[in-house]
Amino acid sequence: MNVVHFITRLIIGGAQENTLLTVEDQHRDYGDKVSLITGPGLGPEGSLEERARNGGYPLHVLPRLFRHISPSDDWASFREFIRLLRAIEPDVVHTHSGKAGILGRAAAAKLRIPVVHTIHGPSFFRGQSAVPYQMYLRAERWAGRRTDRFIGVCDAMTDQYVDACVAPRERFITIYSGMEVEPFFSPPRTPDEVRSELDIPSDAVVIGKIARLFPLKGHEFLLKIAPELVRRHPNILFLFVGDGILRGDFEKRIAAAGLQSHFRFTGLVLPGRVPELVNAMDIVVHTSLREGLARVLPQGLIAGKPVVSYDVDGAREVCINDETGFLLPPESTTELADALSKLIADPALRKRLGETGRRRFTETFRHETMTRRIREVYTEVLKSQTNSPLPRERGRG
């Protein structure tokens, strides 16, 4: 099978890790001819480009493919992508993310190549300003007519796209975003070693959040409740894993509140360090306002940690009230403080919720499971093309 994957950029993030694992599995485990095409991995989030270059499969970087909209750069990237597709002659194009998802599906339609698109997170979302919301919605509807099959990383993505009339429900399938699960069972270093490195007291109850320090990630809600939560539980410590443009602002707010001893920032970390950091936490919290299904939620559960999350997108599919954690209204603070306080005070509850999550979701989120199911989608798409009595006129309807 000859497959091209196309993603806007290879920063350190869930969509990018998902894509790389799929490409690596196809290349190593199935012997597929697989190529990865992307833009420059620019940004404070860090880059996975070096990992891709060492993967043993072709990597093509389009120098003018950026996340922001630029008609001249986007047109140049579109033409270069067309050129690469003509040279590679793939059986299937698999697109990921917003920009690459639109350009890639347009190119595949032009060349009459079957195309699969993964929705890692919605291009249009609640809280987005009106102009970009309508622009992305119309672009997704246009591209939806040129998509053979959609893969959602959670059922919520399917519901949102079907409700928005992007495509009919029968063209969607949910395949959860896979990961290496074994390191979350037995990380390379013990929680005590990691805590010691980060100067975390041995008796601290660690509330961990893994996310870029960017807008919409929801760190501000934890900062808002921190003074009251520290008053109730003086032994807590917040561990923020990740980096970004808001770090300076967060550190100033923490200092102004006199809470420096209750916060730790790891800065940018590579994905390989995440398992040991999750294992050093007692509670995993996720307060983002926009996600597909945040990888940190199943990661926390597989590590045996309870999770607390806002009820956005696919969070409710793994964060189940009083079974694996607590699911809360978005932007809530009183409920957030109360849920965390309950877990801080009850180690037995933390253990019960975490163990339930580990049992329920470990196999579901193995990357091998994800790749096997994705290849089954490719096979179905190619079979439907073969069985079609006439060439389909792509882009109609």
Protein backbone atom coordinates (compact mmCIF):
# COMPACT_ATOMS: atom_id res chain seq x y z
CA MET A 1 0.00 0.00 0.00
CA ASN A 2 1.34 3.44 -0.99
CA VAL A 3 0.12 6.20 1.34
CA VAL A 4 0.97 9.90 1.65
CA HIS A 5 0.35 11.61 5.00
CA PHE A 6 0.04 15.40 4.92
CA ILE A 7 0.09 17.56 8.07
CA THR A 8 0.64 21.30 8.42
CA ARG A 9 3.59 21.19 10.83
CA LEU A 10 5.48 18.74 13.03
CA ILE A 11 5.43 20.57 16.33
CA ILE A 12 5.29 18.60 19.57
CA GLY A 13 1.58 17.94 19.89
CA GLY A 14 -1.04 15.23 19.95
CA ALA A 15 -2.01 15.35 16.27
CA GLN A 16 1.64 15.22 15.24
CA GLU A 17 2.48 12.29 17.55
CA ASN A 18 -0.60 10.43 16.27
CA THR A 19 0.50 10.97 12.66
CA LEU A 20 4.11 9.96 13.27
CA LEU A 21 3.11 6.76 15.07
CA THR A 22 0.83 5.83 12.17
CA VAL A 23 3.58 6.47 9.63
CA GLU A 24 6.14 4.57 11.69
CA ASP A 25 3.83 1.58 12.19
CA GLN A 26 2.96 1.42 8.50
CA HIS A 27 6.63 1.55 7.53
CA ARG A 28 7.94 -0.86 10.17
CA ASP A 29 5.09 -3.31 10.85
CA TYR A 30 3.31 -3.49 7.49
CA GLY A 31 6.01 -2.67 4.96
CA ASP A 32 3.88 0.02 3.35
CA LYS A 33 5.40 2.59 1.05
CA VAL A 34 4.63 5.64 3.14
CA SER A 35 5.64 9.29 2.74
CA LEU A 36 5.19 12.21 5.12
CA ILE A 37 4.74 15.75 3.82
CA THR A 38 4.65 18.76 6.15
CA GLY A 39 5.59 22.37 6.63
CA PRO A 40 8.46 23.71 8.76
CA GLY A 41 8.18 22.68 12.42
CA LEU A 42 8.38 26.22 13.72
CA GLY A 43 7.22 27.54 17.08
CA PRO A 44 7.93 27.48 20.82
CA GLU A 45 6.16 24.12 21.09
CA GLY A 46 9.26 22.30 19.78
CA SER A 47 9.60 20.09 16.73
CA LEU A 48 9.30 16.40 15.87
CA GLU A 49 11.00 16.90 12.51
CA GLU A 50 14.27 15.24 13.55
CA ARG A 51 12.41 12.13 14.66
CA ALA A 52 10.66 12.00 11.29
CA ARG A 53 13.94 12.44 9.40
CA ASN A 54 15.35 9.41 11.18
CA GLY A 55 12.30 7.24 10.53
CA GLY A 56 13.53 5.51 7.36
CA TYR A 57 10.68 6.78 5.16
CA PRO A 58 10.62 9.84 2.85
CA LEU A 59 9.98 13.17 4.57
CA HIS A 60 9.22 16.23 2.42
CA VAL A 61 9.10 19.70 4.02
CA LEU A 62 7.23 22.39 2.07
CA PRO A 63 9.10 25.59 3.03
CA ARG A 64 6.11 27.90 2.51
CA LEU A 65 3.47 25.85 4.34
CA PHE A 66 2.57 27.73 7.53
CA ARG A 67 -0.34 27.56 9.96
CA HIS A 68 -1.50 31.13 9.27
CA ILE A 69 -3.38 31.99 6.08
CA SER A 70 -1.20 33.42 3.31
CA PRO A 71 -2.68 33.20 -0.20
CA SER A 72 0.69 33.36 -2.00
CA ASP A 73 2.39 30.83 0.32
CA ASP A 74 -0.66 28.56 0.34
CA TRP A 75 -0.85 28.56 -3.46
CA ALA A 76 2.86 27.77 -3.72
CA SER A 77 2.47 24.93 -1.19
CA PHE A 78 -0.56 23.57 -3.03
CA ARG A 79 1.36 23.46 -6.32
CA GLU A 80 4.35 21.77 -4.66
CA PHE A 81 2.07 19.20 -3.04
CA ILE A 82 0.50 18.45 -6.42
CA ARG A 83 3.99 17.96 -7.86
CA LEU A 84 4.92 15.53 -5.09
CA LEU A 85 1.71 13.55 -5.48
CA ARG A 86 2.34 13.14 -9.20
CA ALA A 87 5.84 11.86 -8.42
CA ILE A 88 4.83 9.52 -5.59
CA GLU A 89 1.58 8.25 -7.16
CA PRO A 90 0.00 7.17 -3.85
CA ASP A 91 -2.98 4.84 -3.52
CA VAL A 92 -4.39 7.03 -0.71
CA VAL A 93 -3.77 10.54 0.62
CA HIS A 94 -4.31 10.89 4.37
CA THR A 95 -4.62 14.50 5.52
CA HIS A 96 -4.34 15.88 9.05
CA SER A 97 -5.00 19.31 10.64
CA GLY A 98 -6.77 22.37 9.25
CA LYS A 99 -4.51 23.93 6.61
CA ALA A 100 -3.08 20.66 5.26
CA GLY A 101 -6.56 19.15 5.46
CA ILE A 102 -8.01 21.72 3.05
CA LEU A 103 -5.06 21.97 0.66
CA GLY A 104 -4.45 18.24 0.69
CA ARG A 105 -8.02 17.27 -0.08
CA ALA A 106 -8.19 19.83 -2.86
CA ALA A 107 -5.04 18.37 -4.42
CA ALA A 108 -6.22 14.76 -4.04
CA ALA A 109 -9.53 15.64 -5.65
CA LYS A 110 -7.77 17.33 -8.57
CA LEU A 111 -5.71 14.19 -9.20
CA ARG A 112 -8.59 11.80 -8.42
CA ILE A 113 -6.71 10.13 -5.58
CA PRO A 114 -8.82 8.65 -2.74
CA VAL A 115 -8.49 10.74 0.40
CA VAL A 116 -8.97 10.08 4.12
CA HIS A 117 -9.01 12.98 6.58
CA THR A 118 -8.46 12.78 10.35
CA ILE A 119 -10.19 15.34 12.56
CA HIS A 120 -7.79 15.77 15.47
CA GLY A 121 -9.66 18.85 16.62
CA PRO A 122 -12.32 21.06 15.05
CA SER A 123 -11.22 23.81 12.66
CA PHE A 124 -14.32 25.77 13.72
CA PHE A 125 -15.16 25.84 17.40
CA ARG A 126 -17.09 27.51 20.21
CA GLY A 127 -15.59 30.86 21.16
CA GLN A 128 -13.94 31.46 17.78
CA SER A 129 -14.64 34.88 16.27
CA ALA A 130 -17.29 35.03 13.56
CA VAL A 131 -15.09 35.57 10.49
CA PRO A 132 -12.65 32.66 10.96
CA TYR A 133 -15.50 30.43 12.19
CA GLN A 134 -17.49 30.95 9.00
CA MET A 135 -14.40 30.74 6.81
CA TYR A 136 -13.30 27.40 8.26
CA LEU A 137 -16.84 26.03 8.31
CA ARG A 138 -17.32 26.78 4.62
CA ALA A 139 -13.88 25.42 3.78
CA GLU A 140 -14.61 22.19 5.68
CA ARG A 141 -17.96 21.78 3.90
CA TRP A 142 -16.23 22.31 0.57
CA ALA A 143 -13.48 19.83 1.42
CA GLY A 144 -16.02 17.42 2.90
CA ARG A 145 -17.47 16.81 -0.54
CA ARG A 146 -14.00 15.73 -1.63
CA THR A 147 -13.33 13.34 1.26
CA ASP A 148 -13.86 9.59 0.92
CA ARG A 149 -13.72 8.89 4.64
CA PHE A 150 -13.35 10.87 7.86
CA ILE A 151 -11.59 9.56 10.95
CA GLY A 152 -12.51 11.30 14.18
CA VAL A 153 -10.29 10.90 17.24
CA CYS A 154 -13.49 10.80 19.29
CA ASP A 155 -17.24 10.48 18.72
CA ALA A 156 -17.63 14.17 19.56
CA MET A 157 -15.74 15.14 16.40
CA THR A 158 -18.18 13.16 14.26
CA ASP A 159 -21.16 14.74 15.98
CA GLN A 160 -19.81 18.26 15.48
CA TYR A 161 -19.01 17.77 11.81
CA VAL A 162 -22.28 15.98 11.02
CA ASP A 163 -24.30 18.64 12.87
CA ALA A 164 -22.45 21.31 10.85
CA CYS A 165 -23.41 19.53 7.59
CA VAL A 166 -19.78 18.86 6.61
CA ALA A 167 -20.61 15.31 5.48
CA PRO A 168 -23.15 12.55 6.23
CA ARG A 169 -22.58 10.34 9.26
CA GLU A 170 -21.93 7.17 7.26
CA ARG A 171 -18.64 8.64 6.04
CA PHE A 172 -17.24 8.94 9.58
CA ILE A 173 -15.52 6.47 11.87
CA THR A 174 -13.99 6.98 15.32
CA ILE A 175 -10.44 5.71 15.87
CA TYR A 176 -8.93 6.86 19.14
CA SER A 177 -5.50 8.47 18.95
CA GLY A 178 -2.93 5.80 19.77
CA MET A 179 0.21 6.02 21.86
CA GLU A 180 2.99 3.97 23.42
CA VAL A 181 1.22 2.65 26.51
CA GLU A 182 3.98 0.57 28.15
CA PRO A 183 6.04 3.55 29.40
CA PHE A 184 3.01 4.71 31.41
CA PHE A 185 3.09 1.39 33.30
CA SER A 186 6.82 1.45 33.97
CA PRO A 187 8.47 4.80 33.19
CA PRO A 188 12.25 5.00 32.85
CA ARG A 189 12.57 6.81 36.20
CA THR A 190 10.59 6.46 39.40
CA PRO A 191 8.16 9.14 40.60
CA ASP A 192 10.49 9.85 43.56
CA GLU A 193 13.41 10.49 41.21
CA VAL A 194 11.36 12.85 39.03
CA ARG A 195 9.97 14.71 42.04
CA SER A 196 13.44 15.12 43.49
CA GLU A 197 14.70 16.58 40.21
CA LEU A 198 11.83 19.10 40.20
CA ASP A 199 12.28 19.94 43.89
CA ILE A 200 8.84 18.62 44.80
CA PRO A 201 8.42 17.62 48.46
CA SER A 202 7.85 13.91 48.97
CA ASP A 203 4.56 14.52 50.83
CA ALA A 204 3.11 16.90 48.22
CA VAL A 205 -0.09 16.05 46.37
CA VAL A 206 0.79 16.95 42.79
CA ILE A 207 -1.87 18.31 40.43
CA GLY A 208 -0.47 18.05 36.93
CA LYS A 209 -1.47 19.76 33.71
CA ILE A 210 0.16 18.94 30.37
CA ALA A 211 -0.49 21.54 27.71
CA ARG A 212 1.17 24.31 25.77
CA LEU A 213 1.14 27.62 27.66
CA PHE A 214 -1.12 29.21 25.09
CA PRO A 215 -4.63 30.70 24.97
CA LEU A 216 -7.57 28.25 25.15
CA LYS A 217 -5.53 25.74 27.17
CA GLY A 218 -7.20 26.85 30.40
CA HIS A 219 -4.29 27.35 32.80
CA GLU A 220 -5.93 30.57 34.00
CA PHE A 221 -8.72 28.63 35.70
CA LEU A 222 -6.21 26.76 37.84
CA LEU A 223 -4.44 30.00 38.67
CA LYS A 224 -7.77 31.48 39.77
CA ILE A 225 -8.57 28.69 42.23
CA ALA A 226 -5.00 28.15 43.43
CA PRO A 227 -5.09 30.53 46.45
CA GLU A 228 -8.25 28.95 47.89
CA LEU A 229 -7.10 25.42 47.14
CA VAL A 230 -3.74 26.04 48.84
CA ARG A 231 -5.57 27.45 51.84
CA ARG A 232 -7.61 24.25 52.09
CA HIS A 233 -4.69 21.92 51.35
CA PRO A 234 -1.26 23.47 52.09
CA ASN A 235 0.56 20.37 50.82
CA ILE A 236 -0.55 20.66 47.15
CA LEU A 237 1.69 21.54 44.24
CA PHE A 238 0.74 22.40 40.65
CA LEU A 239 3.00 20.95 37.94
CA PHE A 240 2.70 22.65 34.54
CA VAL A 241 4.29 20.58 31.77
CA GLY A 242 4.92 22.49 28.55
CA ASP A 243 5.99 25.92 27.40
CA GLY A 244 4.60 28.80 25.42
CA ILE A 245 3.96 32.51 25.10
CA LEU A 246 1.97 32.84 28.35
CA ARG A 247 4.61 31.50 30.72
CA GLY A 248 5.89 34.93 31.77
CA ASP A 249 2.37 36.15 32.52
CA PHE A 250 1.58 33.05 34.56
CA GLU A 251 4.77 33.37 36.60
CA LYS A 252 3.98 37.01 37.41
CA ARG A 253 0.48 36.09 38.60
CA ILE A 254 1.82 33.27 40.75
CA ALA A 255 4.45 35.56 42.30
CA ALA A 256 1.86 38.27 42.98
CA ALA A 257 -0.20 35.72 44.89
CA GLY A 258 2.85 34.54 46.83
CA LEU A 259 2.43 30.97 45.58
CA GLN A 260 5.81 30.31 43.96
CA SER A 261 6.49 27.34 46.26
CA HIS A 262 3.28 25.67 45.08
CA PHE A 263 4.06 25.73 41.34
CA ARG A 264 6.63 24.06 39.10
CA PHE A 265 7.16 24.63 35.37
CA THR A 266 9.03 21.97 33.41
CA GLY A 267 9.36 24.01 30.24
CA LEU A 268 9.35 22.26 26.90
CA VAL A 269 9.72 18.48 27.17
CA LEU A 270 9.99 15.79 24.52
CA PRO A 271 7.18 13.19 24.33
CA GLY A 272 9.45 10.52 25.79
CA ARG A 273 9.51 12.33 29.14
CA VAL A 274 5.74 12.55 29.48
CA PRO A 275 5.23 9.07 31.03
CA GLU A 276 7.61 9.71 33.92
CA LEU A 277 6.07 13.14 34.54
CA VAL A 278 2.52 11.74 34.55
CA ASN A 279 3.61 9.04 36.99
CA ALA A 280 5.01 11.75 39.28
CA MET A 281 1.53 13.32 39.48
CA ASP A 282 -1.30 12.36 41.83
CA ILE A 283 -4.09 13.99 39.80
CA VAL A 284 -4.20 14.89 36.10
CA VAL A 285 -6.26 17.98 35.28
CA HIS A 286 -7.30 19.23 31.85
CA THR A 287 -9.01 22.61 31.57
CA SER A 288 -8.68 23.36 27.87
CA LEU A 289 -11.61 24.92 26.05
CA ARG A 290 -10.95 23.29 22.69
CA GLU A 291 -9.67 19.78 21.98
CA GLY A 292 -10.50 16.71 19.96
CA LEU A 293 -9.72 14.26 22.69
CA ALA A 294 -6.70 15.39 24.67
CA ARG A 295 -4.08 12.63 24.83
CA VAL A 296 -3.24 13.56 28.40
CA LEU A 297 -6.58 12.15 29.60
CA PRO A 298 -5.99 8.53 28.49
CA GLN A 299 -2.31 8.92 29.35
CA GLY A 300 -3.22 9.82 32.91
CA LEU A 301 -5.67 6.94 33.17
CA ILE A 302 -3.25 4.39 31.71
CA ALA A 303 -0.76 5.55 34.36
CA GLY A 304 -3.44 4.87 36.99
CA LYS A 305 -4.17 8.51 37.79
CA PRO A 306 -7.64 10.07 38.21
CA VAL A 307 -8.51 12.81 35.73
CA VAL A 308 -10.45 16.04 36.09
CA SER A 309 -11.57 17.69 32.86
CA TYR A 310 -13.88 20.28 31.44
CA ASP A 311 -16.65 18.77 29.35
CA VAL A 312 -15.36 19.78 25.92
CA ASP A 313 -15.37 17.71 22.74
CA GLY A 314 -14.35 14.11 23.44
CA ALA A 315 -13.36 14.43 27.11
CA ARG A 316 -16.54 12.72 28.34
CA GLU A 317 -15.63 9.58 26.40
CA VAL A 318 -12.82 8.82 28.88
CA CYS A 319 -13.40 11.15 31.85
CA ILE A 320 -16.43 9.48 33.38
CA ASN A 321 -17.90 10.94 36.56
CA ASP A 322 -17.07 8.92 39.67
CA GLU A 323 -15.65 6.11 37.52
CA THR A 324 -12.42 7.53 36.13
CA GLY A 325 -12.56 11.11 37.38
CA PHE A 326 -14.74 14.20 37.36
CA LEU A 327 -16.22 15.95 34.31
CA LEU A 328 -17.02 19.62 34.84
CA PRO A 329 -18.74 22.50 33.01
CA PRO A 330 -16.27 24.47 30.86
CA GLU A 331 -14.77 27.54 32.55
CA SER A 332 -16.18 26.55 35.95
CA THR A 333 -14.02 27.34 38.97
CA THR A 334 -16.10 26.44 42.03
CA GLU A 335 -16.75 22.96 40.64
CA LEU A 336 -13.09 22.64 39.65
CA ALA A 337 -11.87 23.53 43.13
CA ASP A 338 -14.37 21.17 44.78
CA ALA A 339 -13.48 18.22 42.52
CA LEU A 340 -9.75 18.68 43.08
CA SER A 341 -10.28 19.15 46.82
CA LYS A 342 -12.21 15.89 47.03
CA LEU A 343 -9.40 14.00 45.30
CA ILE A 344 -6.65 15.68 47.31
CA ALA A 345 -8.29 14.60 50.55
CA ASP A 346 -9.01 10.99 49.54
CA PRO A 347 -6.06 8.82 48.36
CA ALA A 348 -8.31 5.74 48.17
CA LEU A 349 -10.64 7.54 45.77
CA ARG A 350 -7.69 8.57 43.62
CA LYS A 351 -6.54 4.96 43.46
CA ARG A 352 -9.99 3.57 42.62
CA LEU A 353 -10.63 6.03 39.78
CA GLY A 354 -7.16 5.61 38.32
CA GLU A 355 -7.26 1.82 38.36
CA THR A 356 -10.67 1.81 36.69
CA GLY A 357 -9.36 4.07 33.93
CA ARG A 358 -6.32 1.87 33.38
CA ARG A 359 -8.47 -1.26 32.98
CA ARG A 360 -10.93 0.40 30.63
CA PHE A 361 -8.68 2.27 28.25
CA THR A 362 -5.21 0.74 27.94
CA GLU A 363 -5.97 -1.53 24.97
CA THR A 364 -8.18 1.09 23.29
CA PHE A 365 -5.34 3.59 23.09
CA ARG A 366 -2.48 1.37 21.92
CA HIS A 367 -0.97 2.85 18.75
CA GLU A 368 -0.88 -0.61 17.17
CA THR A 369 -4.68 -0.75 17.51
CA MET A 370 -5.00 2.69 15.92
CA THR A 371 -2.79 1.88 12.92
CA ARG A 372 -4.47 -1.45 12.25
CA ARG A 373 -7.88 0.21 12.17
CA ILE A 374 -6.65 3.09 9.98
CA ARG A 375 -5.29 0.62 7.42
CA GLU A 376 -8.67 -1.11 7.44
CA VAL A 377 -10.20 2.23 6.45
CA TYR A 378 -7.73 2.57 3.57
CA THR A 379 -8.65 -0.93 2.39
CA GLU A 380 -12.37 -0.14 2.48
CA VAL A 381 -11.84 3.11 0.56
CA LEU A 382 -9.74 1.41 -2.11
CA LYS A 383 -12.23 -1.45 -2.40
CA SER A 384 -15.10 1.00 -2.90
CA GLN A 385 -13.11 2.71 -5.66
CA THR A 386 -12.46 -0.63 -7.36
CA ASN A 387 -16.10 -1.66 -7.16
CA SER A 388 -17.43 1.64 -8.47
CA PRO A 389 -18.85 1.09 -11.99
CA LEU A 390 -17.83 4.55 -13.15
CA PRO A 391 -15.14 7.01 -12.09
CA ARG A 392 -16.56 9.31 -9.47
CA GLU A 393 -16.76 13.00 -10.34
CA ARG A 394 -14.99 14.38 -7.31
CA GLY A 395 -16.08 17.65 -5.80
CA ARG A 396 -19.71 17.48 -6.89
CA GLY A 397 -22.69 17.65 -4.61
